[in-house]
């Protein structure tokens, strides 16, 4: 009879929870609200296509998810932390102190959005300040915050087209709303000076709380029909744009690339969006997305290895997969990630 090699990490789990696979047979994931929609798509497809229960995926925020992962090893702790920011040394130290000594860092793609308009319309060369000035509820004028009454893009920036402002933006539940808010709206709020006017009035017990309150105030968009939330997928955005050629829509890069016969993409801060400019970080409205796996749970929690293999597969995270259709920018180095996941390679020291 061939004996299976049992690692120290596996023994730790078994000691903590008797037989983990009997105590818990579903994968548990928590973390980033940005990654949540992507992970949910994968989890549901995994449950439908594999002989394992559908993983339980919850939000709570990147930092909270990493903190839960670092609570320790055992069936009463989560297996994966979703994150829209890279793990910190503080997280790693907390993990190590609680016995979580090997972590797999999986970068599965990029959160990147583009602004595009009708292919036959005028060119748009946008900045975050332009978008904020067009869509924010309050804007800075003569050293004060005033209601936004701009009707045309040219009123915001004379170099932009004299075209009515109508922006179709990701709804608050959409996977790319967070990058739209933080990388465009908040960035534009700061560029225009509105943030500096909001901050002194923001409520908070300390500077961090006040800054968060000010950013939240920056994210308030006008409600007069110039900014329209789209909660569906990008096909709905495109249909709305087809119905009104004045509209500027927010799309995932892959969707735009598949519809260049209908759409003309805008530059952002002088950079043309592309897979290369997003992956390099040159294009400003993007960031890498990660999930972190507790390696000690692989081989113990049923289906965990299969789930992470499936998540980074071409069928899911590739440029033609369902995650790209929802807004994910596929990682040009996805093949290397697939090999790393298959080999179970833990992350090294932070660079």
Protein backbone atom coordinates (compact mmCIF):
# COMPACT_ATOMS: atom_id res chain seq x y z
CA UNK A 1 0.00 0.00 0.00
CA UNK A 2 1.45 3.32 -1.09
CA UNK A 3 1.55 5.94 1.64
CA UNK A 4 0.76 9.55 0.87
CA UNK A 5 3.40 12.01 2.01
CA UNK A 6 2.00 14.19 4.78
CA UNK A 7 3.54 17.62 5.19
CA UNK A 8 4.01 19.45 8.46
CA UNK A 9 1.40 22.00 7.36
CA UNK A 10 -1.11 19.22 6.68
CA UNK A 11 -0.48 17.73 10.11
CA UNK A 12 -1.08 21.14 11.65
CA UNK A 13 -4.48 21.35 10.02
CA UNK A 14 -5.38 17.82 10.99
CA UNK A 15 -4.33 18.45 14.56
CA UNK A 16 -6.38 21.62 14.68
CA UNK A 17 -9.57 20.18 13.24
CA UNK A 18 -9.42 16.39 13.26
CA UNK A 19 -10.43 15.64 9.66
CA UNK A 20 -10.79 18.97 7.85
CA UNK A 21 -12.35 17.49 4.74
CA UNK A 22 -15.17 16.11 6.90
CA UNK A 23 -15.53 19.30 8.93
CA UNK A 24 -15.56 21.59 5.89
CA UNK A 25 -15.78 20.49 2.28
CA UNK A 26 -16.32 23.87 0.63
CA UNK A 27 -13.67 26.45 -0.22
CA UNK A 28 -14.00 29.73 1.66
CA UNK A 29 -12.90 33.05 0.18
CA UNK A 30 -13.13 36.64 1.46
CA UNK A 31 -11.72 40.05 0.63
CA UNK A 32 -11.79 42.72 -2.04
CA UNK A 33 -15.12 44.07 -3.26
CA UNK A 34 -13.47 44.70 -6.63
CA UNK A 35 -12.39 41.07 -6.99
CA UNK A 36 -15.70 39.78 -5.58
CA UNK A 37 -17.66 39.79 -8.89
CA UNK A 38 -14.83 38.01 -10.72
CA UNK A 39 -14.42 35.42 -7.96
CA UNK A 40 -18.18 34.88 -7.86
CA UNK A 41 -18.26 34.17 -11.60
CA UNK A 42 -15.45 31.65 -11.19
CA UNK A 43 -16.99 30.04 -8.10
CA UNK A 44 -20.36 29.54 -9.78
CA UNK A 45 -18.76 28.08 -12.92
CA UNK A 46 -16.58 25.86 -10.72
CA UNK A 47 -19.62 24.51 -8.86
CA UNK A 48 -21.37 23.78 -12.15
CA UNK A 49 -18.43 22.05 -13.84
CA UNK A 50 -16.61 20.19 -11.05
CA UNK A 51 -17.62 17.56 -8.50
CA UNK A 52 -17.01 19.94 -5.61
CA UNK A 53 -19.38 22.28 -3.77
CA UNK A 54 -19.58 25.86 -5.01
CA UNK A 55 -17.01 27.92 -3.08
CA UNK A 56 -18.33 30.47 -0.60
CA UNK A 57 -17.12 33.91 -1.68
CA UNK A 58 -17.58 36.96 0.53
CA UNK A 59 -16.47 40.60 0.40
CA UNK A 60 -15.32 42.74 3.30
CA UNK A 61 -12.39 44.54 1.70
CA UNK A 62 -8.84 43.62 0.71
CA UNK A 63 -7.27 44.33 4.09
CA UNK A 64 -9.99 42.48 5.98
CA UNK A 65 -9.66 39.47 3.70
CA UNK A 66 -5.90 39.29 4.17
CA UNK A 67 -6.35 39.66 7.93
CA UNK A 68 -8.79 36.74 7.98
CA UNK A 69 -6.40 34.60 5.96
CA UNK A 70 -3.64 35.38 8.45
CA UNK A 71 -5.66 34.31 11.49
CA UNK A 72 -4.10 30.85 11.36
CA UNK A 73 -4.30 27.39 9.82
CA UNK A 74 -7.33 25.12 10.10
CA UNK A 75 -10.88 24.55 8.89
CA UNK A 76 -12.14 27.50 10.91
CA UNK A 77 -10.01 29.90 8.82
CA UNK A 78 -10.48 30.94 5.20
CA UNK A 79 -8.48 29.49 2.31
CA UNK A 80 -8.15 32.48 -0.02
CA UNK A 81 -8.00 36.26 0.36
CA UNK A 82 -9.04 38.34 -2.64
CA UNK A 83 -7.17 41.62 -2.95
CA UNK A 84 -7.12 44.68 -5.19
CA UNK A 85 -3.82 45.74 -3.63
CA UNK A 86 -0.65 43.80 -3.01
CA UNK A 87 -0.11 42.10 0.33
CA UNK A 88 1.97 44.10 2.81
CA UNK A 89 4.93 43.02 4.91
CA UNK A 90 2.76 43.62 7.97
CA UNK A 91 0.27 41.07 6.64
CA UNK A 92 3.04 38.57 5.97
CA UNK A 93 4.45 39.03 9.46
CA UNK A 94 1.00 38.53 11.01
CA UNK A 95 0.49 35.40 8.94
CA UNK A 96 3.86 33.99 10.01
CA UNK A 97 3.18 34.72 13.68
CA UNK A 98 -0.04 32.70 13.41
CA UNK A 99 1.52 29.74 11.61
CA UNK A 100 0.65 30.72 8.04
CA UNK A 101 4.16 30.40 6.66
CA UNK A 102 3.57 29.74 2.96
CA UNK A 103 1.34 31.96 0.83
CA UNK A 104 0.77 31.76 -2.90
CA UNK A 105 0.40 35.15 -4.58
CA UNK A 106 -1.76 34.87 -7.69
CA UNK A 107 -2.03 37.89 -9.99
CA UNK A 108 -4.89 36.94 -12.27
CA UNK A 109 -5.31 40.11 -14.33
CA UNK A 110 -5.80 43.85 -14.22
CA UNK A 111 -8.69 46.09 -13.33
CA UNK A 112 -8.59 48.50 -16.26
CA UNK A 113 -11.27 50.64 -17.88
CA UNK A 114 -11.36 52.79 -20.97
CA UNK A 115 -13.54 55.69 -22.07
CA UNK A 116 -14.94 55.28 -25.56
CA UNK A 117 -17.44 57.06 -27.78
CA UNK A 118 -19.07 56.52 -31.15
CA UNK A 119 -16.51 55.58 -33.79
CA UNK A 120 -17.73 58.37 -36.09
CA UNK A 121 -17.64 61.03 -33.37
CA UNK A 122 -14.90 63.46 -32.32
CA UNK A 123 -11.68 62.48 -30.54
CA UNK A 124 -11.47 62.70 -26.76
CA UNK A 125 -8.21 63.31 -24.91
CA UNK A 126 -9.27 63.09 -21.29
CA UNK A 127 -7.69 63.54 -17.88
CA UNK A 128 -9.15 62.58 -14.49
CA UNK A 129 -9.71 66.30 -13.90
CA UNK A 130 -11.85 66.49 -17.06
CA UNK A 131 -14.00 63.54 -16.06
CA UNK A 132 -14.43 64.85 -12.53
CA UNK A 133 -15.28 68.31 -13.86
CA UNK A 134 -17.93 66.82 -16.13
CA UNK A 135 -19.53 64.32 -13.77
CA UNK A 136 -19.04 65.39 -10.14
CA UNK A 137 -21.96 66.75 -8.16
CA UNK A 138 -19.81 69.58 -6.80
CA UNK A 139 -16.85 71.27 -8.49
CA UNK A 140 -14.33 73.91 -7.48
CA UNK A 141 -14.93 77.41 -8.84
CA UNK A 142 -13.25 80.60 -7.63
CA UNK A 143 -12.10 78.91 -4.43
CA UNK A 144 -15.50 77.48 -3.50
CA UNK A 145 -17.51 74.33 -4.10
CA UNK A 146 -20.51 74.88 -6.35
CA UNK A 147 -23.12 72.70 -8.02
CA UNK A 148 -21.92 71.31 -11.34
CA UNK A 149 -23.88 72.90 -14.20
CA UNK A 150 -21.57 72.09 -17.14
CA UNK A 151 -23.62 70.99 -20.14
CA UNK A 152 -20.86 70.30 -22.68
CA UNK A 153 -17.37 68.80 -22.42
CA UNK A 154 -15.91 72.01 -23.88
CA UNK A 155 -17.18 73.90 -20.82
CA UNK A 156 -14.97 71.69 -18.67
CA UNK A 157 -11.93 71.91 -20.93
CA UNK A 158 -11.88 74.09 -24.04
CA UNK A 159 -9.78 71.49 -25.88
CA UNK A 160 -12.58 68.91 -25.59
CA UNK A 161 -15.45 68.61 -28.09
CA UNK A 162 -18.48 70.89 -27.83
CA UNK A 163 -20.56 67.78 -27.23
CA UNK A 164 -23.27 67.32 -24.63
CA UNK A 165 -22.05 65.59 -21.48
CA UNK A 166 -23.52 62.11 -21.14
CA UNK A 167 -21.39 59.47 -19.47
CA UNK A 168 -22.38 55.83 -19.06
CA UNK A 169 -20.41 54.66 -16.03
CA UNK A 170 -20.16 51.36 -14.13
CA UNK A 171 -22.92 50.96 -11.55
CA UNK A 172 -22.03 50.79 -7.88
CA UNK A 173 -22.21 46.96 -7.91
CA UNK A 174 -20.06 46.57 -11.01
CA UNK A 175 -16.58 45.08 -10.72
CA UNK A 176 -14.89 48.15 -12.20
CA UNK A 177 -16.73 50.85 -10.25
CA UNK A 178 -13.99 51.00 -7.62
CA UNK A 179 -11.22 51.69 -10.13
CA UNK A 180 -13.45 54.30 -11.79
CA UNK A 181 -14.04 55.99 -8.43
CA UNK A 182 -10.48 55.89 -7.12
CA UNK A 183 -8.37 56.28 -10.25
CA UNK A 184 -10.57 58.76 -12.09
CA UNK A 185 -13.06 60.57 -9.86
CA UNK A 186 -10.99 60.91 -6.68
CA UNK A 187 -7.83 61.58 -8.70
CA UNK A 188 -9.69 64.29 -10.64
CA UNK A 189 -11.11 65.74 -7.43
CA UNK A 190 -7.58 66.19 -6.16
CA UNK A 191 -6.26 67.57 -9.47
CA UNK A 192 -8.94 70.26 -9.61
CA UNK A 193 -8.51 71.40 -6.00
CA UNK A 194 -12.00 70.29 -4.97
CA UNK A 195 -10.53 67.77 -2.53
CA UNK A 196 -8.69 70.53 -0.66
CA UNK A 197 -11.98 72.40 -0.30
CA UNK A 198 -13.86 69.31 0.89
CA UNK A 199 -11.24 68.03 3.36
CA UNK A 200 -11.58 70.77 6.02
CA UNK A 201 -15.31 70.10 6.24
CA UNK A 202 -15.02 66.30 6.28
CA UNK A 203 -16.01 64.59 9.50
CA UNK A 204 -13.56 62.22 11.14
CA UNK A 205 -11.75 61.55 14.39
CA UNK A 206 -8.34 61.50 12.79
CA UNK A 207 -6.65 62.49 9.54
CA UNK A 208 -7.19 59.07 7.98
CA UNK A 209 -10.91 59.14 8.69
CA UNK A 210 -11.21 62.70 7.40
CA UNK A 211 -9.36 61.76 4.19
CA UNK A 212 -11.69 58.81 3.65
CA UNK A 213 -14.73 61.02 4.22
CA UNK A 214 -13.39 63.60 1.76
CA UNK A 215 -12.80 60.94 -0.88
CA UNK A 216 -16.32 59.62 -0.38
CA UNK A 217 -17.66 63.13 -0.91
CA UNK A 218 -15.56 63.45 -4.07
CA UNK A 219 -17.26 60.32 -5.45
CA UNK A 220 -20.71 61.88 -5.40
CA UNK A 221 -21.80 62.22 -9.02
CA UNK A 222 -24.37 64.58 -10.42
CA UNK A 223 -27.96 63.31 -10.58
CA UNK A 224 -29.29 65.42 -13.44
CA UNK A 225 -28.93 62.72 -16.09
CA UNK A 226 -25.38 63.58 -17.20
CA UNK A 227 -23.89 60.58 -15.35
CA UNK A 228 -25.80 57.33 -15.82
CA UNK A 229 -25.02 54.17 -13.84
CA UNK A 230 -25.01 50.98 -15.90
CA UNK A 231 -25.43 47.93 -13.69
CA UNK A 232 -25.44 45.39 -16.52
CA UNK A 233 -22.56 44.23 -18.66
CA UNK A 234 -20.84 46.22 -21.38
CA UNK A 235 -23.33 45.14 -24.03
CA UNK A 236 -25.88 47.29 -22.21
CA UNK A 237 -23.47 50.23 -22.20
CA UNK A 238 -22.87 49.80 -25.93
CA UNK A 239 -26.62 49.61 -26.62
CA UNK A 240 -27.15 52.88 -24.74
CA UNK A 241 -24.31 54.50 -26.68
CA UNK A 242 -25.80 53.28 -29.96
CA UNK A 243 -29.06 54.92 -28.96
CA UNK A 244 -27.38 58.26 -28.18
CA UNK A 245 -24.25 59.08 -30.16
CA UNK A 246 -23.38 61.87 -27.71
CA UNK A 247 -22.64 59.35 -24.97
CA UNK A 248 -19.19 58.46 -23.70
CA UNK A 249 -19.16 54.98 -22.22
CA UNK A 250 -16.87 53.23 -19.77
CA UNK A 251 -15.80 49.79 -20.97
CA UNK A 252 -13.34 47.07 -20.15
CA UNK A 253 -10.36 47.09 -22.52
CA UNK A 254 -11.16 43.66 -23.98
CA UNK A 255 -14.73 44.67 -24.79
CA UNK A 256 -13.52 47.81 -26.53
CA UNK A 257 -10.96 45.81 -28.52
CA UNK A 258 -13.73 43.51 -29.72
CA UNK A 259 -15.85 46.48 -30.85
CA UNK A 260 -13.42 48.85 -32.57
CA UNK A 261 -15.80 49.00 -35.52
CA UNK A 262 -18.30 50.79 -33.25
CA UNK A 263 -16.14 52.55 -30.67
CA UNK A 264 -13.38 55.17 -30.60
CA UNK A 265 -11.23 55.07 -27.49
CA UNK A 266 -10.11 58.16 -25.57
CA UNK A 267 -6.63 58.71 -24.25
CA UNK A 268 -6.25 59.25 -20.53
CA UNK A 269 -3.56 61.71 -19.42
CA UNK A 270 -2.02 61.31 -22.87
CA UNK A 271 -1.77 57.50 -22.74
CA UNK A 272 -3.51 55.21 -25.21
CA UNK A 273 -5.04 52.25 -23.33
CA UNK A 274 -3.72 48.87 -24.41
CA UNK A 275 -2.90 45.55 -22.81
CA UNK A 276 0.74 46.65 -22.68
CA UNK A 277 0.13 50.12 -21.21
CA UNK A 278 -2.24 48.69 -18.60
CA UNK A 279 0.04 45.80 -17.61
CA UNK A 280 3.03 48.16 -17.32
CA UNK A 281 1.09 50.62 -15.17
CA UNK A 282 1.62 53.44 -17.69
CA UNK A 283 -2.11 53.77 -18.31
CA UNK A 284 -3.40 55.46 -15.15
CA UNK A 285 -6.85 53.87 -14.86
CA UNK A 286 -5.68 50.37 -13.99
CA UNK A 287 -4.18 48.21 -11.26
CA UNK A 288 -3.25 44.54 -10.81
CA UNK A 289 -5.68 42.22 -9.06
CA UNK A 290 -4.63 39.34 -6.82
CA UNK A 291 -5.79 36.52 -4.67
CA UNK A 292 -3.70 34.93 -1.95
CA UNK A 293 -3.88 31.22 -1.17
CA UNK A 294 -3.01 29.58 2.13
CA UNK A 295 -0.76 26.82 0.79
CA UNK A 296 -1.21 24.65 3.90
CA UNK A 297 -4.85 24.12 2.90
CA UNK A 298 -4.05 22.77 -0.58
CA UNK A 299 -4.58 19.02 -0.59
CA UNK A 300 -6.66 19.25 2.57
CA UNK A 301 -9.63 21.42 1.62
CA UNK A 302 -11.29 19.48 -1.23
CA UNK A 303 -11.08 21.16 -4.62
CA UNK A 304 -8.80 24.04 -3.60
CA UNK A 305 -6.06 23.22 -6.11
CA UNK A 306 -8.63 22.61 -8.81
CA UNK A 307 -10.32 25.94 -8.05
CA UNK A 308 -7.17 28.04 -8.34
CA UNK A 309 -6.13 26.17 -11.50
CA UNK A 310 -9.57 26.88 -12.95
CA UNK A 311 -9.52 30.55 -11.92
CA UNK A 312 -6.32 31.30 -13.86
CA UNK A 313 -7.15 29.06 -16.83
CA UNK A 314 -7.50 30.54 -20.31
CA UNK A 315 -11.17 29.55 -20.19
CA UNK A 316 -11.77 31.91 -17.26
CA UNK A 317 -9.02 34.56 -17.04
CA UNK A 318 -7.90 34.54 -20.67
CA UNK A 319 -8.66 37.40 -23.09
CA UNK A 320 -11.73 35.58 -24.44
CA UNK A 321 -13.03 34.31 -21.11
CA UNK A 322 -16.05 35.47 -19.07
CA UNK A 323 -13.92 37.58 -16.72
CA UNK A 324 -12.68 39.68 -19.66
CA UNK A 325 -16.29 40.08 -20.77
CA UNK A 326 -17.00 41.54 -17.32
CA UNK A 327 -14.10 43.99 -17.47
CA UNK A 328 -10.93 42.13 -16.48
CA UNK A 329 -7.83 42.93 -18.51
CA UNK A 330 -6.14 39.60 -19.06
CA UNK A 331 -2.55 39.40 -17.82
CA UNK A 332 -0.03 39.05 -20.69
CA UNK A 333 1.97 36.83 -18.32
CA UNK A 334 -0.97 34.56 -17.50
CA UNK A 335 0.90 31.45 -18.72
CA UNK A 336 3.62 32.06 -16.13
CA UNK A 337 0.97 32.41 -13.42
CA UNK A 338 -0.65 29.15 -14.55
CA UNK A 339 2.71 27.36 -14.26
CA UNK A 340 3.33 28.86 -10.82
CA UNK A 341 -0.10 27.79 -9.59
CA UNK A 342 0.31 24.29 -10.97
CA UNK A 343 3.67 23.96 -9.24
CA UNK A 344 2.31 25.35 -5.97
CA UNK A 345 5.12 27.89 -5.73
CA UNK A 346 4.81 30.11 -2.63
CA UNK A 347 5.61 33.81 -2.90
CA UNK A 348 9.09 35.01 -2.09
CA UNK A 349 10.09 38.13 -0.17
CA UNK A 350 8.38 41.35 -1.21
CA UNK A 351 10.39 43.34 -3.73
